[in-house]
Amino acid sequence: MTEPRIVRSYELANEPVRSLQIHLGNGEKLLLPWSRFHSAGHRGVGENEELTLVFARHEVVLRGVRLALLLPKIASFHLACVWSESVEFQAKANMKEAFISGVSVSCLGGLAGRIPESY
């Protein structure tokens, strides 16, 4: 019998990476350089956590559970890629890892019109 597949919604790197790749629900991908990273903030508990990453021109909001576990990986630039998974897969996620159920990206000033305001 095969082991059930563990669902993950992010990828970590062994070494610091230069950029964060974001896979959006509409099939688009965005690459934000960590050199333009400004700050991160975590709020909420339980099923209603949000982790906000602020870059020079973009704000990335991750929604899910156990997101505070990603903070050390963000601080050391080891978070390589994020995407959202349907909440129905949360039960298949490792209960000791973060699970991202939503990702949104907003432009911060000056870029409106060049790319969508949010995804």
N, C-alpha and C. Protein backbone atom coordinates (compact mmCIF):
# COMPACT_ATOMS: atom_id res chain seq x y z
N MET A 1 0.84 -1.18 0.00
CA MET A 1 0.00 0.00 0.00
C MET A 1 0.88 1.24 0.00
N THR A 2 0.53 2.24 -0.80
CA THR A 2 1.35 3.44 -0.89
C THR A 2 0.99 4.42 0.22
N GLU A 3 1.99 5.19 0.61
CA GLU A 3 1.79 6.22 1.62
C GLU A 3 0.94 7.35 1.03
N PRO A 4 0.07 7.95 1.82
CA PRO A 4 -0.70 9.09 1.30
C PRO A 4 0.24 10.26 1.00
N ARG A 5 -0.09 11.00 -0.04
CA ARG A 5 0.72 12.14 -0.45
C ARG A 5 0.54 13.28 0.56
N ILE A 6 1.66 13.82 1.04
CA ILE A 6 1.62 14.99 1.91
C ILE A 6 1.54 16.23 1.02
N VAL A 7 0.58 17.07 1.30
CA VAL A 7 0.38 18.28 0.52
C VAL A 7 1.19 19.41 1.14
N ARG A 8 1.98 20.10 0.32
CA ARG A 8 2.72 21.28 0.75
C ARG A 8 2.30 22.45 -0.11
N SER A 9 2.45 23.64 0.43
CA SER A 9 2.08 24.84 -0.32
C SER A 9 3.23 25.84 -0.39
N TYR A 10 4.43 25.35 -0.19
CA TYR A 10 5.62 26.18 -0.28
C TYR A 10 6.84 25.29 -0.49
N GLU A 11 7.92 25.91 -0.94
CA GLU A 11 9.18 25.19 -1.15
C GLU A 11 10.28 25.93 -0.42
N LEU A 12 11.09 25.17 0.32
CA LEU A 12 12.24 25.74 1.02
C LEU A 12 13.52 25.34 0.31
N ALA A 13 14.53 26.18 0.43
CA ALA A 13 15.84 25.89 -0.15
C ALA A 13 16.83 25.65 0.98
N ASN A 14 17.85 24.84 0.71
CA ASN A 14 18.89 24.58 1.70
C ASN A 14 19.80 25.77 1.91
N GLU A 15 19.96 26.58 0.88
CA GLU A 15 20.80 27.77 0.91
C GLU A 15 19.92 28.99 0.65
N PRO A 16 20.36 30.18 1.04
CA PRO A 16 19.57 31.37 0.72
C PRO A 16 19.35 31.50 -0.79
N VAL A 17 18.15 31.94 -1.16
CA VAL A 17 17.80 32.13 -2.57
C VAL A 17 17.70 33.63 -2.85
N ARG A 18 17.82 33.98 -4.12
CA ARG A 18 17.81 35.40 -4.51
C ARG A 18 16.42 35.98 -4.65
N SER A 19 15.43 35.11 -4.86
CA SER A 19 14.08 35.63 -5.08
C SER A 19 13.03 34.66 -4.57
N LEU A 20 11.84 35.19 -4.39
CA LEU A 20 10.68 34.41 -3.99
C LEU A 20 9.79 34.25 -5.22
N GLN A 21 9.49 33.02 -5.57
CA GLN A 21 8.59 32.74 -6.68
C GLN A 21 7.19 32.53 -6.11
N ILE A 22 6.22 33.20 -6.73
CA ILE A 22 4.84 33.11 -6.27
C ILE A 22 4.01 32.55 -7.41
N HIS A 23 3.34 31.44 -7.16
CA HIS A 23 2.44 30.84 -8.14
C HIS A 23 1.03 31.29 -7.78
N LEU A 24 0.40 31.99 -8.68
CA LEU A 24 -0.94 32.52 -8.43
C LEU A 24 -1.99 31.58 -8.97
N GLY A 25 -3.15 31.63 -8.40
CA GLY A 25 -4.23 30.72 -8.75
C GLY A 25 -4.67 30.78 -10.19
N ASN A 26 -4.40 31.87 -10.88
CA ASN A 26 -4.82 32.01 -12.27
C ASN A 26 -3.76 31.50 -13.25
N GLY A 27 -2.75 30.81 -12.76
CA GLY A 27 -1.71 30.25 -13.61
C GLY A 27 -0.51 31.17 -13.79
N GLU A 28 -0.60 32.42 -13.34
CA GLU A 28 0.53 33.34 -13.46
C GLU A 28 1.56 33.06 -12.37
N LYS A 29 2.78 33.46 -12.67
CA LYS A 29 3.88 33.34 -11.71
C LYS A 29 4.54 34.70 -11.59
N LEU A 30 4.96 35.00 -10.40
CA LEU A 30 5.61 36.27 -10.11
C LEU A 30 6.91 35.98 -9.38
N LEU A 31 7.94 36.71 -9.71
CA LEU A 31 9.24 36.53 -9.08
C LEU A 31 9.62 37.85 -8.42
N LEU A 32 9.78 37.83 -7.10
CA LEU A 32 10.15 39.03 -6.36
C LEU A 32 11.52 38.84 -5.73
N PRO A 33 12.47 39.73 -6.01
CA PRO A 33 13.82 39.56 -5.46
C PRO A 33 13.85 39.86 -3.96
N TRP A 34 14.51 39.00 -3.22
CA TRP A 34 14.65 39.22 -1.78
C TRP A 34 15.42 40.50 -1.50
N SER A 35 16.23 40.96 -2.44
CA SER A 35 16.97 42.21 -2.24
C SER A 35 16.02 43.41 -2.11
N ARG A 36 14.77 43.25 -2.55
CA ARG A 36 13.77 44.32 -2.47
C ARG A 36 12.77 44.08 -1.33
N PHE A 37 13.06 43.07 -0.49
CA PHE A 37 12.21 42.73 0.66
C PHE A 37 12.36 43.80 1.73
N HIS A 38 11.23 44.22 2.30
CA HIS A 38 11.25 45.27 3.31
C HIS A 38 10.90 44.74 4.70
N SER A 39 9.78 44.00 4.81
CA SER A 39 9.37 43.54 6.14
C SER A 39 8.34 42.43 6.02
N ALA A 40 8.10 41.77 7.16
CA ALA A 40 7.07 40.73 7.25
C ALA A 40 6.29 40.94 8.53
N GLY A 41 5.00 40.62 8.47
CA GLY A 41 4.18 40.72 9.66
C GLY A 41 3.20 39.56 9.73
N HIS A 42 3.03 39.01 10.91
CA HIS A 42 2.13 37.88 11.12
C HIS A 42 1.02 38.30 12.06
N ARG A 43 -0.21 37.92 11.73
CA ARG A 43 -1.33 38.20 12.62
C ARG A 43 -2.35 37.08 12.53
N GLY A 44 -3.12 36.95 13.59
CA GLY A 44 -4.17 35.94 13.63
C GLY A 44 -3.69 34.66 14.27
N VAL A 45 -4.66 33.80 14.56
CA VAL A 45 -4.38 32.50 15.15
C VAL A 45 -5.32 31.47 14.54
N GLY A 46 -4.98 30.22 14.74
CA GLY A 46 -5.84 29.13 14.28
C GLY A 46 -6.03 29.13 12.78
N GLU A 47 -7.26 29.06 12.35
CA GLU A 47 -7.58 28.96 10.92
C GLU A 47 -7.53 30.30 10.20
N ASN A 48 -7.30 31.39 10.92
CA ASN A 48 -7.38 32.72 10.32
C ASN A 48 -6.07 33.48 10.41
N GLU A 49 -4.97 32.87 10.05
CA GLU A 49 -3.68 33.55 10.09
C GLU A 49 -3.40 34.25 8.76
N GLU A 50 -2.67 35.35 8.87
CA GLU A 50 -2.17 36.05 7.69
C GLU A 50 -0.71 36.37 7.90
N LEU A 51 0.06 36.20 6.86
CA LEU A 51 1.47 36.56 6.86
C LEU A 51 1.67 37.52 5.69
N THR A 52 2.04 38.76 6.01
CA THR A 52 2.20 39.79 4.98
C THR A 52 3.68 40.02 4.74
N LEU A 53 4.09 39.94 3.48
CA LEU A 53 5.46 40.22 3.06
C LEU A 53 5.43 41.49 2.23
N VAL A 54 6.23 42.47 2.64
CA VAL A 54 6.26 43.74 1.92
C VAL A 54 7.59 43.86 1.20
N PHE A 55 7.48 44.03 -0.11
CA PHE A 55 8.64 44.27 -0.96
C PHE A 55 8.58 45.74 -1.40
N ALA A 56 9.55 46.21 -2.15
CA ALA A 56 9.61 47.61 -2.55
C ALA A 56 8.34 48.06 -3.25
N ARG A 57 7.79 47.26 -4.12
CA ARG A 57 6.62 47.66 -4.91
C ARG A 57 5.43 46.70 -4.81
N HIS A 58 5.56 45.67 -3.97
CA HIS A 58 4.49 44.69 -3.87
C HIS A 58 4.25 44.29 -2.42
N GLU A 59 3.01 43.95 -2.15
CA GLU A 59 2.64 43.37 -0.87
C GLU A 59 2.05 41.99 -1.15
N VAL A 60 2.61 40.98 -0.51
CA VAL A 60 2.16 39.61 -0.67
C VAL A 60 1.48 39.18 0.63
N VAL A 61 0.25 38.72 0.53
CA VAL A 61 -0.47 38.26 1.72
C VAL A 61 -0.74 36.77 1.58
N LEU A 62 -0.23 36.01 2.54
CA LEU A 62 -0.47 34.57 2.60
C LEU A 62 -1.51 34.34 3.68
N ARG A 63 -2.51 33.52 3.40
CA ARG A 63 -3.52 33.15 4.38
C ARG A 63 -3.44 31.64 4.60
N GLY A 64 -3.64 31.21 5.84
CA GLY A 64 -3.60 29.79 6.13
C GLY A 64 -3.43 29.52 7.61
N VAL A 65 -2.71 28.44 7.92
CA VAL A 65 -2.49 28.03 9.31
C VAL A 65 -1.00 27.78 9.54
N ARG A 66 -0.59 27.99 10.76
CA ARG A 66 0.80 27.79 11.20
C ARG A 66 1.80 28.61 10.38
N LEU A 67 1.37 29.76 9.90
CA LEU A 67 2.23 30.57 9.02
C LEU A 67 3.42 31.18 9.75
N ALA A 68 3.32 31.36 11.06
CA ALA A 68 4.45 31.90 11.82
C ALA A 68 5.68 31.00 11.69
N LEU A 69 5.47 29.73 11.38
CA LEU A 69 6.60 28.81 11.20
C LEU A 69 7.48 29.21 10.01
N LEU A 70 6.95 30.00 9.10
CA LEU A 70 7.72 30.43 7.93
C LEU A 70 8.63 31.63 8.22
N LEU A 71 8.39 32.33 9.32
CA LEU A 71 9.16 33.54 9.61
C LEU A 71 10.68 33.32 9.65
N PRO A 72 11.19 32.28 10.31
CA PRO A 72 12.65 32.07 10.30
C PRO A 72 13.18 31.80 8.88
N LYS A 73 12.39 31.13 8.06
CA LYS A 73 12.81 30.84 6.69
C LYS A 73 12.82 32.10 5.84
N ILE A 74 11.88 33.00 6.11
CA ILE A 74 11.85 34.28 5.42
C ILE A 74 13.05 35.12 5.86
N ALA A 75 13.31 35.15 7.15
CA ALA A 75 14.41 35.95 7.68
C ALA A 75 15.77 35.52 7.12
N SER A 76 15.90 34.24 6.80
CA SER A 76 17.17 33.73 6.26
C SER A 76 17.14 33.55 4.75
N PHE A 77 16.06 34.02 4.09
CA PHE A 77 15.90 33.93 2.63
C PHE A 77 15.93 32.49 2.11
N HIS A 78 15.37 31.58 2.88
CA HIS A 78 15.28 30.18 2.46
C HIS A 78 13.91 29.81 1.89
N LEU A 79 12.96 30.74 1.94
CA LEU A 79 11.65 30.50 1.34
C LEU A 79 11.78 30.77 -0.16
N ALA A 80 11.65 29.72 -0.96
CA ALA A 80 11.91 29.83 -2.40
C ALA A 80 10.65 30.02 -3.22
N CYS A 81 9.54 29.42 -2.80
CA CYS A 81 8.34 29.44 -3.63
C CYS A 81 7.11 29.24 -2.75
N VAL A 82 6.02 29.95 -3.08
CA VAL A 82 4.75 29.77 -2.38
C VAL A 82 3.62 29.65 -3.39
N TRP A 83 2.58 28.93 -3.00
CA TRP A 83 1.36 28.82 -3.80
C TRP A 83 0.26 28.43 -2.83
N SER A 84 -0.96 28.55 -3.26
CA SER A 84 -2.07 28.16 -2.38
C SER A 84 -2.59 26.79 -2.77
N GLU A 85 -3.08 26.11 -1.77
CA GLU A 85 -3.73 24.82 -1.95
C GLU A 85 -5.16 24.96 -1.43
N SER A 86 -6.05 24.23 -2.01
CA SER A 86 -7.44 24.24 -1.57
C SER A 86 -7.53 23.78 -0.12
N VAL A 87 -8.41 24.42 0.63
CA VAL A 87 -8.59 24.07 2.05
C VAL A 87 -8.93 22.59 2.21
N GLU A 88 -9.54 21.98 1.22
CA GLU A 88 -9.88 20.55 1.32
C GLU A 88 -8.63 19.68 1.45
N PHE A 89 -7.44 20.21 1.05
CA PHE A 89 -6.20 19.45 1.17
C PHE A 89 -5.50 19.68 2.50
N GLN A 90 -6.03 20.56 3.34
CA GLN A 90 -5.38 20.88 4.60
C GLN A 90 -5.22 19.64 5.48
N ALA A 91 -6.17 18.73 5.42
CA ALA A 91 -6.10 17.51 6.21
C ALA A 91 -4.93 16.62 5.78
N LYS A 92 -4.46 16.78 4.54
CA LYS A 92 -3.34 15.99 4.04
C LYS A 92 -2.00 16.68 4.29
N ALA A 93 -2.03 17.87 4.86
CA ALA A 93 -0.80 18.61 5.15
C ALA A 93 -0.19 18.10 6.45
N ASN A 94 1.12 18.24 6.56
CA ASN A 94 1.82 17.90 7.78
C ASN A 94 1.39 18.89 8.86
N MET A 95 0.89 18.41 9.97
CA MET A 95 0.37 19.28 11.02
C MET A 95 1.46 20.05 11.76
N LYS A 96 2.72 19.80 11.41
CA LYS A 96 3.84 20.54 12.01
C LYS A 96 4.42 21.55 11.03
N GLU A 97 3.74 21.76 9.89
CA GLU A 97 4.22 22.69 8.87
C GLU A 97 3.14 23.70 8.55
N ALA A 98 3.56 24.81 7.98
CA ALA A 98 2.62 25.83 7.53
C ALA A 98 1.79 25.28 6.37
N PHE A 99 0.58 25.79 6.25
CA PHE A 99 -0.29 25.45 5.12
C PHE A 99 -0.88 26.75 4.59
N ILE A 100 -0.68 27.00 3.31
CA ILE A 100 -1.14 28.24 2.68
C ILE A 100 -2.40 27.94 1.88
N SER A 101 -3.50 28.57 2.28
CA SER A 101 -4.76 28.35 1.58
C SER A 101 -5.12 29.51 0.66
N GLY A 102 -4.38 30.60 0.74
CA GLY A 102 -4.64 31.74 -0.12
C GLY A 102 -3.40 32.60 -0.29
N VAL A 103 -3.22 33.13 -1.50
CA VAL A 103 -2.11 34.03 -1.80
C VAL A 103 -2.67 35.19 -2.60
N SER A 104 -2.35 36.41 -2.17
CA SER A 104 -2.73 37.57 -2.97
C SER A 104 -1.54 38.51 -3.05
N VAL A 105 -1.44 39.20 -4.17
CA VAL A 105 -0.35 40.14 -4.41
C VAL A 105 -0.97 41.45 -4.85
N SER A 106 -0.55 42.52 -4.21
CA SER A 106 -1.02 43.86 -4.57
C SER A 106 0.17 44.73 -4.92
N CYS A 107 -0.02 45.60 -5.89
CA CYS A 107 1.01 46.56 -6.26
C CYS A 107 0.97 47.73 -5.29
N LEU A 108 2.14 48.22 -4.94
CA LEU A 108 2.23 49.38 -4.06
C LEU A 108 2.71 50.57 -4.88
N GLY A 109 1.85 51.49 -5.19
CA GLY A 109 2.20 52.73 -5.87
C GLY A 109 3.04 52.60 -7.12
N GLY A 110 2.74 53.38 -8.11
CA GLY A 110 3.57 53.50 -9.30
C GLY A 110 3.43 52.42 -10.34
N LEU A 111 2.90 51.26 -9.99
CA LEU A 111 2.81 50.18 -10.97
C LEU A 111 1.39 49.94 -11.44
N ALA A 112 0.43 50.64 -10.89
CA ALA A 112 -0.96 50.44 -11.30
C ALA A 112 -1.06 50.62 -12.80
N GLY A 113 -1.76 49.71 -13.43
CA GLY A 113 -1.92 49.75 -14.87
C GLY A 113 -0.93 48.87 -15.61
N ARG A 114 0.22 48.61 -15.03
CA ARG A 114 1.21 47.76 -15.69
C ARG A 114 0.95 46.28 -15.40
N ILE A 115 0.55 45.99 -14.17
CA ILE A 115 0.15 44.63 -13.83
C ILE A 115 -1.10 44.73 -12.98
N PRO A 116 -1.90 43.69 -12.90
CA PRO A 116 -3.15 43.77 -12.11
C PRO A 116 -2.87 44.17 -10.68
N GLU A 117 -3.82 44.89 -10.09
CA GLU A 117 -3.65 45.37 -8.71
C GLU A 117 -3.54 44.23 -7.72
N SER A 118 -4.33 43.17 -7.93
CA SER A 118 -4.22 42.00 -7.07
C SER A 118 -4.58 40.77 -7.89
N TYR A 119 -4.12 39.62 -7.41
CA TYR A 119 -4.33 38.37 -8.12
C TYR A 119 -5.21 37.48 -7.28
